[in-house]
Amino acid sequence: MAQAKLNLNQKRICGRIRYLKSRMLEVLEHQDDTIVFNNPQFCDFKVKCGSDTFFVSKGILAQKSPVFASIFKSGMKEVQRGEVVIVNDVEHVVVYTSEHKS
């Protein structure tokens, strides 16, 4: 059941990737907003996609993404391990959700 829920969440993430790709460049232009982005010193969770690992804040991800909020509330083994593996292109999702704007 937990795996089915994770698969559903992955599909939701994929549905937003097109929009997030257009926002990614805008976010990266504001370096002050991303000073803690992908910095292991400030992370409490990891998102893995292929060979890439993104060091992230659960609070920021949960605030920006109902999908990640659902993952963190679920108590799934991924949350207990402190990392989630997503098989799809997730870089844009992580960059967008890590920006500090409302």
Protein backbone atom coordinates (compact mmCIF):
# COMPACT_ATOMS: atom_id res chain seq x y z
CA MET A 1 0.00 0.00 0.00
CA ALA A 2 2.82 2.42 0.84
CA GLN A 3 4.43 1.68 -2.53
CA ALA A 4 1.16 2.42 -4.35
CA LYS A 5 0.89 5.73 -2.51
CA LEU A 6 4.48 6.58 -3.41
CA ASN A 7 3.77 5.76 -7.08
CA LEU A 8 0.72 8.03 -7.03
CA ASN A 9 2.78 10.83 -5.52
CA GLN A 10 5.45 10.35 -8.19
CA LYS A 11 2.79 10.72 -10.90
CA ARG A 12 1.60 13.97 -9.34
CA ILE A 13 5.14 15.28 -9.31
CA CYS A 14 5.58 14.42 -12.98
CA GLY A 15 2.44 16.36 -13.80
CA ARG A 16 4.02 19.56 -12.48
CA ILE A 17 7.44 19.19 -14.08
CA ARG A 18 6.58 21.12 -17.25
CA TYR A 19 5.54 24.14 -15.22
CA LEU A 20 8.52 23.84 -12.93
CA LYS A 21 10.99 23.74 -15.80
CA SER A 22 9.84 27.22 -16.80
CA ARG A 23 10.30 28.46 -13.22
CA MET A 24 13.71 26.89 -12.62
CA LEU A 25 15.76 29.54 -14.39
CA GLU A 26 13.91 32.30 -12.56
CA VAL A 27 14.63 30.70 -9.20
CA LEU A 28 18.31 30.17 -9.93
CA GLU A 29 18.72 33.83 -10.90
CA HIS A 30 18.02 34.80 -7.27
CA GLN A 31 21.10 33.34 -5.59
CA ASP A 32 20.24 34.87 -2.21
CA ASP A 33 17.05 32.80 -2.17
CA THR A 34 18.92 29.56 -2.77
CA ILE A 35 21.89 29.96 -0.42
CA VAL A 36 20.91 26.86 1.57
CA PHE A 37 19.71 24.90 -1.45
CA ASN A 38 21.39 21.51 -1.77
CA ASN A 39 23.70 22.21 1.17
CA PRO A 40 24.12 19.12 3.39
CA GLN A 41 24.73 21.34 6.44
CA PHE A 42 21.16 22.64 6.28
CA CYS A 43 19.33 19.51 5.14
CA ASP A 44 17.17 17.08 7.05
CA PHE A 45 16.13 14.96 4.07
CA LYS A 46 17.49 13.69 0.75
CA VAL A 47 15.73 13.32 -2.59
CA LYS A 48 17.49 10.94 -4.98
CA CYS A 49 16.88 10.88 -8.70
CA GLY A 50 19.15 8.61 -10.71
CA SER A 51 22.73 9.42 -9.77
CA ASP A 52 21.79 12.84 -8.32
CA THR A 53 21.14 13.48 -4.64
CA PHE A 54 19.48 16.70 -3.50
CA PHE A 55 19.89 17.79 0.12
CA VAL A 56 16.64 19.48 1.13
CA SER A 57 14.58 20.79 4.02
CA LYS A 58 11.43 18.80 4.76
CA GLY A 59 9.75 21.95 6.04
CA ILE A 60 10.34 23.88 2.84
CA LEU A 61 9.31 20.95 0.64
CA ALA A 62 6.15 20.32 2.66
CA GLN A 63 5.23 24.00 2.59
CA LYS A 64 5.63 24.22 -1.19
CA SER A 65 4.33 20.80 -2.23
CA PRO A 66 1.25 18.95 -1.00
CA VAL A 67 2.78 15.82 -2.52
CA PHE A 68 5.88 16.05 -0.35
CA ALA A 69 3.75 17.04 2.66
CA SER A 70 1.77 13.84 2.15
CA ILE A 71 4.96 11.79 1.88
CA PHE A 72 6.31 13.23 5.14
CA LYS A 73 3.03 12.69 7.03
CA SER A 74 2.72 9.10 5.83
CA GLY A 75 5.44 7.58 8.00
CA MET A 76 6.56 5.47 5.04
CA LYS A 77 9.93 3.74 5.26
CA GLU A 78 11.41 6.42 2.99
CA VAL A 79 10.61 9.06 5.60
CA GLN A 80 12.11 6.91 8.35
CA ARG A 81 15.27 6.45 6.24
CA GLY A 82 15.51 10.18 5.61
CA GLU A 83 15.45 9.91 1.84
CA VAL A 84 13.12 9.24 -1.04
CA VAL A 85 14.08 7.89 -4.46
CA ILE A 86 12.09 9.26 -7.37
CA VAL A 87 12.58 7.66 -10.75
CA ASN A 88 11.47 10.65 -12.83
CA ASP A 89 13.12 14.00 -13.58
CA VAL A 90 12.82 15.65 -10.19
CA GLU A 91 15.53 18.31 -10.31
CA HIS A 92 13.07 21.03 -11.31
CA VAL A 93 10.70 20.08 -8.52
CA VAL A 94 13.42 20.27 -5.88
CA VAL A 95 14.78 23.60 -7.13
CA TYR A 96 11.31 25.16 -7.26
CA THR A 97 10.21 23.91 -3.86
CA SER A 98 13.46 25.05 -2.28
CA GLU A 99 12.94 28.69 -3.22
CA HIS A 100 11.95 30.84 -0.25
CA LYS A 101 9.19 32.86 -1.90
CA SER A 102 5.52 32.32 -1.16
